[in-house]
Amino acid sequence: MTAYVEPSFERDTNYIDDRITQDSPTWPVEPGRYRLVVSRACPWASRLTTVRRLLGLEDAISLGLCGPTHDQDSWTFDLDPGGVDPVLKMPRLKDAFENRQPGYPRGITVPALVDVPTRSVVTNDFAQMDIDLIEQWGAFHRGGAPDLYPQALREEMDPVMKRIYTEVNNGVYRCGFAGEQAAYDAAYDRLFTALDWLEERLTGRRYLVGDHITLADVRLFTTLVRFDPVYHGHFKCNRGKLIEFPALWAYARDLFQTPGFGDTVDFEQIKRHYYVVHADINPTGIVPKGPDLSGWMAAHGRESLGGSAFGDGTAPGAIAEGERVDPAHNPAVGTDGLLHRPS
């Protein structure tokens, strides 16, 4: 008997949509109370990891790291000693969802913000979480933190971010999980139409909106950095590699070399997640050795377009030892967790 496969991929967006806000009687902004649980493999989680680092919220919101793979049941804390998160004291993220709602009926997803005292999930609504880190946690941002969602640019930013989400962030999944040829063909065309638009947009400007990095850049980067290692082959997004788009490739390198972006990327975990977890797409579970990642620290030449990453602000500083990417998983990262150009 052949399993039924949906012809077109539709993302389940029915998340726990509670919010941590300054005036919330239930989930108020309170440093030390919440733990951000992510996996470096997941692009939706990676945007939260980057935003947290750019804003300097490490002391206000702790970070829990799940491993790159999971079973049908839950993401797990298999990177921690004994396979148990040292703060939440649980082996599976599902336990935090069950603490919030026994018999939780939906998928166990990252990123998730967990209330440490009750060990229960507050929210896994990734689309709102990064904005709330920007707007609600301002009192705990580091000095020199960038304004990632400037009020004056929102009218331009919002439709750009919407198109990036529907056509690029989600577009690669629409290709990868298409269940029939016509659905794949349509998804493929939509994706590369959007990438062509971005290539044109970024040919004459350094950043997507304005003269400095914004949330729009963060949201696009997490897909671009996974494109050649995963999406091009595994998801059949193969009209061209990222490195074959001159402006997009230079733009991606520019962001990668900006503190807060490349120093949070774990290429090995990214590849292992997609090629191992998606057994229906890659039944052998073989993880490819390539591609060559050495080009990510090559000169990008984007400085000539003007602007600067942080404007009047500053770059984030040192990375806590427990949050550093394994240098073996990212050729640009040193043992101090920071990016280093090859000598």
Protein backbone atom coordinates (compact mmCIF):
# COMPACT_ATOMS: atom_id res chain seq x y z
CA MET A 1 0.00 0.00 0.00
CA THR A 2 1.44 3.37 -1.03
CA ALA A 3 1.42 6.15 1.55
CA TYR A 4 -0.56 9.24 0.61
CA VAL A 5 1.62 12.29 -0.04
CA GLU A 6 0.21 15.82 -0.13
CA PRO A 7 0.82 17.26 -3.62
CA SER A 8 1.72 20.71 -2.29
CA PHE A 9 3.50 21.54 0.95
CA GLU A 10 1.54 23.66 3.44
CA ARG A 11 3.31 24.76 6.62
CA ASP A 12 1.41 24.26 9.88
CA THR A 13 1.41 27.72 11.46
CA ASN A 14 -0.87 26.95 14.40
CA TYR A 15 1.65 27.81 17.12
CA ILE A 16 1.32 28.69 20.80
CA ASP A 17 1.04 32.42 20.25
CA ASP A 18 1.39 33.76 23.78
CA ARG A 19 3.84 36.65 24.02
CA ILE A 20 6.36 37.87 26.56
CA THR A 21 5.71 41.60 26.84
CA GLN A 22 6.50 44.44 29.21
CA ASP A 23 2.89 44.71 30.39
CA SER A 24 1.85 41.05 30.38
CA PRO A 25 0.37 39.87 33.70
CA THR A 26 1.25 36.27 32.83
CA TRP A 27 4.50 36.44 30.86
CA PRO A 28 6.22 39.72 31.74
CA VAL A 29 9.67 40.66 30.50
CA GLU A 30 11.93 39.47 33.29
CA PRO A 31 15.65 38.77 32.84
CA GLY A 32 16.70 35.26 33.84
CA ARG A 33 13.18 33.85 33.75
CA TYR A 34 13.04 32.45 30.21
CA ARG A 35 15.16 30.04 28.19
CA LEU A 36 15.35 30.20 24.42
CA VAL A 37 15.51 26.64 23.09
CA VAL A 38 16.89 26.30 19.57
CA SER A 39 18.71 23.96 17.26
CA ARG A 40 21.49 25.38 15.11
CA ALA A 41 20.18 23.16 12.32
CA CYS A 42 16.82 24.95 12.07
CA PRO A 43 16.58 28.19 10.03
CA TRP A 44 13.62 29.49 12.03
CA ALA A 45 15.57 28.98 15.26
CA SER A 46 18.73 30.45 13.78
CA ARG A 47 17.06 33.80 13.22
CA LEU A 48 16.35 33.97 16.98
CA THR A 49 19.92 32.95 17.81
CA THR A 50 21.28 35.75 15.62
CA VAL A 51 18.86 38.40 16.90
CA ARG A 52 19.62 37.48 20.52
CA ARG A 53 23.36 37.84 19.88
CA LEU A 54 23.07 41.08 17.90
CA LEU A 55 20.99 42.66 20.67
CA GLY A 56 23.21 41.35 23.47
CA LEU A 57 20.45 39.49 25.31
CA GLU A 58 22.65 36.59 26.41
CA ASP A 59 22.52 37.55 30.09
CA ALA A 60 18.77 38.21 30.02
CA ILE A 61 17.64 35.08 28.15
CA SER A 62 19.59 31.84 28.46
CA LEU A 63 20.12 29.51 25.51
CA GLY A 64 19.25 25.81 25.35
CA LEU A 65 20.68 23.85 22.42
CA CYS A 66 18.97 20.78 20.99
CA GLY A 67 20.89 18.44 18.75
CA PRO A 68 20.57 18.50 14.96
CA THR A 69 18.34 15.43 14.66
CA HIS A 70 15.06 14.41 16.23
CA ASP A 71 12.59 11.58 16.06
CA GLN A 72 8.87 11.72 15.35
CA ASP A 73 8.28 12.65 18.98
CA SER A 74 10.52 15.57 19.87
CA TRP A 75 13.67 17.59 19.58
CA THR A 76 16.10 16.33 22.22
CA PHE A 77 18.93 17.76 24.31
CA ASP A 78 21.44 15.14 23.22
CA LEU A 79 24.30 17.67 23.09
CA ASP A 80 24.18 18.12 26.86
CA PRO A 81 25.84 15.79 29.39
CA GLY A 82 23.51 12.86 29.98
CA GLY A 83 21.20 14.15 27.28
CA VAL A 84 19.45 16.49 29.76
CA ASP A 85 19.16 20.27 29.51
CA PRO A 86 21.11 21.63 32.51
CA VAL A 87 18.57 24.37 33.27
CA LEU A 88 15.22 22.79 32.39
CA LYS A 89 16.29 19.34 33.68
CA MET A 90 14.55 17.53 30.85
CA PRO A 91 15.75 15.31 27.98
CA ARG A 92 13.11 16.29 25.43
CA LEU A 93 11.62 19.61 24.44
CA LYS A 94 8.28 17.82 24.30
CA ASP A 95 8.31 17.73 28.10
CA ALA A 96 8.02 21.55 28.17
CA PHE A 97 5.09 21.43 25.76
CA GLU A 98 3.41 18.73 27.86
CA ASN A 99 3.94 20.83 31.00
CA ARG A 100 2.08 23.64 29.27
CA GLN A 101 -0.67 21.43 27.80
CA PRO A 102 -0.85 17.72 28.70
CA GLY A 103 -1.33 15.70 25.54
CA TYR A 104 -0.12 18.60 23.38
CA PRO A 105 -1.45 17.61 19.94
CA ARG A 106 0.78 19.49 17.52
CA GLY A 107 4.40 19.36 16.41
CA ILE A 108 7.22 20.02 18.86
CA THR A 109 9.07 22.88 17.20
CA VAL A 110 12.05 25.14 17.73
CA PRO A 111 12.55 27.94 18.50
CA ALA A 112 10.62 27.88 21.73
CA LEU A 113 10.73 30.21 24.71
CA VAL A 114 10.33 28.26 27.93
CA ASP A 115 9.40 29.62 31.34
CA VAL A 116 12.12 28.24 33.61
CA PRO A 117 10.19 28.24 36.93
CA THR A 118 7.31 26.18 35.50
CA ARG A 119 9.41 24.39 32.84
CA SER A 120 6.62 25.02 30.35
CA VAL A 121 6.59 26.54 26.87
CA VAL A 122 5.43 30.13 26.61
CA THR A 123 5.51 30.39 22.82
CA ASN A 124 6.90 28.76 19.70
CA ASP A 125 5.56 31.44 17.34
CA PHE A 126 8.87 32.22 15.63
CA ALA A 127 7.42 34.96 13.41
CA GLN A 128 6.57 37.11 16.45
CA MET A 129 9.41 36.07 18.75
CA ASP A 130 12.20 37.97 16.98
CA ILE A 131 10.12 41.16 16.82
CA ASP A 132 9.36 40.89 20.53
CA LEU A 133 13.06 40.51 21.35
CA ILE A 134 13.53 43.81 19.55
CA GLU A 135 10.51 45.72 20.87
CA GLN A 136 9.83 44.30 24.32
CA TRP A 137 13.34 43.61 25.65
CA GLY A 138 14.87 47.01 24.85
CA ALA A 139 15.79 47.71 28.48
CA PHE A 140 18.17 44.74 28.35
CA HIS A 141 19.77 45.34 24.96
CA ARG A 142 23.51 45.88 25.02
CA GLY A 143 24.93 49.33 24.49
CA GLY A 144 25.45 49.84 20.78
CA ALA A 145 22.85 47.26 19.78
CA PRO A 146 21.44 47.87 16.28
CA ASP A 147 17.85 48.89 15.66
CA LEU A 148 16.79 45.85 13.68
CA TYR A 149 13.23 47.02 13.05
CA PRO A 150 13.42 50.82 12.58
CA GLN A 151 10.08 52.56 12.76
CA ALA A 152 10.92 54.75 9.78
CA LEU A 153 11.63 51.72 7.55
CA ARG A 154 8.76 49.42 8.51
CA GLU A 155 6.48 50.42 5.65
CA GLU A 156 9.19 49.24 3.25
CA MET A 157 10.45 46.34 5.39
CA ASP A 158 7.18 44.56 6.03
CA PRO A 159 6.32 43.65 2.42
CA VAL A 160 9.95 42.73 1.73
CA MET A 161 9.98 40.37 4.71
CA LYS A 162 6.61 38.92 3.75
CA ARG A 163 7.86 38.09 0.26
CA ILE A 164 11.07 36.61 1.65
CA TYR A 165 9.06 34.37 3.98
CA THR A 166 6.47 33.14 1.50
CA GLU A 167 8.72 32.80 -1.55
CA VAL A 168 12.20 32.04 -0.17
CA ASN A 169 12.20 30.88 3.47
CA ASN A 170 9.15 28.72 2.88
CA GLY A 171 9.72 28.40 -0.86
CA VAL A 172 12.62 25.97 -0.49
CA TYR A 173 10.43 23.71 1.64
CA ARG A 174 7.65 23.95 -0.92
CA CYS A 175 10.12 22.54 -3.45
CA GLY A 176 11.56 19.89 -1.16
CA PHE A 177 8.27 18.48 0.08
CA ALA A 178 6.25 18.69 -3.12
CA GLY A 179 4.36 15.44 -3.60
CA GLU A 180 3.83 15.64 -7.33
CA GLN A 181 5.62 17.07 -10.35
CA ALA A 182 3.26 19.96 -11.06
CA ALA A 183 3.46 21.20 -7.47
CA TYR A 184 7.26 20.99 -7.54
CA ASP A 185 7.48 22.81 -10.88
CA ALA A 186 5.31 25.65 -9.62
CA ALA A 187 7.26 25.91 -6.36
CA TYR A 188 10.57 25.90 -8.22
CA ASP A 189 9.47 28.72 -10.50
CA ARG A 190 8.20 30.80 -7.58
CA LEU A 191 11.43 30.35 -5.65
CA PHE A 192 13.75 31.37 -8.46
CA THR A 193 11.52 34.29 -9.46
CA ALA A 194 12.04 35.58 -5.93
CA LEU A 195 15.78 34.90 -5.96
CA ASP A 196 16.07 36.79 -9.27
CA TRP A 197 14.20 39.69 -7.66
CA LEU A 198 16.60 39.67 -4.72
CA GLU A 199 19.61 39.46 -7.02
CA GLU A 200 18.42 42.57 -8.81
CA ARG A 201 17.54 44.39 -5.58
CA LEU A 202 20.92 43.69 -3.99
CA THR A 203 23.02 44.53 -7.03
CA GLY A 204 22.96 48.23 -6.21
CA ARG A 205 22.40 48.26 -2.45
CA ARG A 206 24.34 46.68 0.38
CA TYR A 207 21.40 45.68 2.59
CA LEU A 208 17.79 44.84 1.86
CA VAL A 209 16.32 47.96 3.45
CA GLY A 210 18.21 51.05 4.57
CA ASP A 211 21.94 51.46 5.12
CA HIS A 212 22.43 48.97 7.95
CA ILE A 213 21.46 45.42 8.84
CA THR A 214 17.83 44.92 9.78
CA LEU A 215 15.58 42.01 10.63
CA ALA A 216 14.95 41.58 6.90
CA ASP A 217 18.61 40.66 6.40
CA VAL A 218 18.54 38.23 9.32
CA ARG A 219 15.50 36.45 7.94
CA LEU A 220 16.95 36.09 4.45
CA PHE A 221 20.41 35.04 5.64
CA THR A 222 19.23 31.89 7.40
CA THR A 223 17.97 30.49 4.09
CA LEU A 224 20.91 31.66 1.99
CA VAL A 225 23.49 30.08 4.30
CA ARG A 226 21.73 26.72 3.91
CA PHE A 227 21.16 26.97 0.17
CA ASP A 228 24.22 25.27 -1.28
CA PRO A 229 24.83 22.79 1.58
CA VAL A 230 21.22 21.58 1.64
CA TYR A 231 18.50 23.18 -0.45
CA HIS A 232 20.21 23.03 -3.85
CA GLY A 233 20.53 19.24 -3.80
CA HIS A 234 18.37 17.85 -1.03
CA PHE A 235 15.34 20.03 -1.85
CA LYS A 236 15.98 20.04 -5.64
CA CYS A 237 16.34 23.85 -5.75
CA ASN A 238 18.90 23.37 -8.48
CA ARG A 239 18.50 25.98 -11.20
CA GLY A 240 21.61 27.52 -9.78
CA LYS A 241 23.70 27.52 -6.63
CA LEU A 242 23.99 30.56 -4.39
CA ILE A 243 27.58 30.98 -5.52
CA GLU A 244 26.25 31.48 -9.08
CA PHE A 245 24.27 34.59 -8.09
CA PRO A 246 26.94 37.34 -8.03
CA ALA A 247 25.09 39.88 -5.87
CA LEU A 248 23.37 37.38 -3.55
CA TRP A 249 26.58 35.43 -2.97
CA ALA A 250 28.55 38.59 -2.16
CA TYR A 251 25.70 39.82 0.07
CA ALA A 252 25.56 36.48 1.91
CA ARG A 253 29.34 36.59 2.50
CA ASP A 254 29.06 40.16 3.76
CA LEU A 255 26.48 39.09 6.34
CA PHE A 256 28.34 35.89 7.20
CA GLN A 257 31.43 37.91 8.03
CA THR A 258 29.40 40.22 10.31
CA PRO A 259 29.56 39.22 13.99
CA GLY A 260 26.29 37.59 15.00
CA PHE A 261 25.74 35.88 11.67
CA GLY A 262 28.52 33.50 10.60
CA ASP A 263 29.68 32.85 14.15
CA THR A 264 26.31 31.24 14.93
CA VAL A 265 26.35 28.89 11.90
CA ASP A 266 27.05 25.19 12.33
CA PHE A 267 27.26 23.70 8.84
CA GLU A 268 27.71 20.15 10.09
CA GLN A 269 24.55 20.25 12.19
CA ILE A 270 22.64 21.84 9.31
CA LYS A 271 23.59 19.06 6.90
CA ARG A 272 23.07 16.31 9.43
CA HIS A 273 19.57 17.50 10.26
CA TYR A 274 18.20 17.64 6.73
CA TYR A 275 19.89 14.55 5.31
CA VAL A 276 19.19 12.33 8.35
CA VAL A 277 15.77 13.50 9.54
CA HIS A 278 14.12 13.67 6.11
CA ALA A 279 14.25 9.93 5.50
CA ASP A 280 11.44 10.14 2.95
CA ILE A 281 13.64 12.37 0.78
CA ASN A 282 17.00 10.78 1.63
CA PRO A 283 16.25 7.19 2.72
CA THR A 284 19.92 6.16 2.93
CA GLY A 285 20.65 8.83 5.54
CA ILE A 286 23.98 9.55 3.87
CA VAL A 287 25.26 13.05 4.67
CA PRO A 288 27.29 14.57 1.81
CA LYS A 289 30.85 15.69 2.50
CA GLY A 290 30.53 18.84 0.38
CA PRO A 291 30.22 21.52 -0.63
CA ASP A 292 33.49 23.41 -0.19
CA LEU A 293 32.76 26.07 2.44
CA SER A 294 36.07 27.91 2.34
CA GLY A 295 34.69 30.73 0.20
CA TRP A 296 32.48 32.16 2.93
CA MET A 297 35.32 34.33 4.27
CA ALA A 298 36.49 35.53 0.84
CA ALA A 299 36.39 39.27 0.18
CA HIS A 300 32.93 40.39 -0.91
CA GLY A 301 33.53 43.95 -2.11
CA ARG A 302 30.18 45.17 -0.81
CA GLU A 303 31.76 48.09 1.08
CA SER A 304 31.71 50.08 -2.15
CA LEU A 305 27.91 50.19 -1.97
CA GLY A 306 28.03 52.29 1.20
CA GLY A 307 26.35 51.75 4.52
CA SER A 308 27.74 49.74 7.40
CA ALA A 309 26.55 46.78 9.41
CA PHE A 310 25.85 48.59 12.67
CA GLY A 311 25.72 52.27 11.73
CA ASP A 312 26.34 54.29 14.87
CA GLY A 313 26.25 51.11 16.95
CA THR A 314 28.82 48.43 17.57
CA ALA A 315 29.34 44.76 16.87
CA PRO A 316 28.48 42.18 19.54
CA GLY A 317 31.40 41.08 21.67
CA ALA A 318 32.74 37.79 22.94
CA ILE A 319 30.76 34.57 22.76
CA ALA A 320 30.28 32.57 25.93
CA GLU A 321 32.22 29.32 25.78
CA GLY A 322 29.11 27.19 26.11
CA GLU A 323 27.53 28.91 23.10
CA ARG A 324 30.44 28.66 20.67
CA VAL A 325 30.10 26.75 17.42
CA ASP A 326 32.46 23.79 17.13
CA PRO A 327 35.34 24.99 14.88
CA ALA A 328 35.26 21.62 13.14
CA HIS A 329 31.73 22.45 11.93
CA ASN A 330 32.49 25.90 10.50
CA PRO A 331 35.85 26.57 8.84
CA ALA A 332 35.70 30.28 9.63
CA VAL A 333 35.23 29.94 13.39
CA GLY A 334 38.20 29.88 15.75
CA THR A 335 38.46 28.23 19.14
CA ASP A 336 37.30 31.52 20.69
CA GLY A 337 34.03 31.19 18.78
CA LEU A 338 34.74 34.27 16.64
CA LEU A 339 35.21 34.49 12.88
CA HIS A 340 38.76 34.55 11.55
CA ARG A 341 39.91 35.18 8.00
CA PRO A 342 42.22 32.51 6.65
CA SER A 343 45.86 33.55 6.83
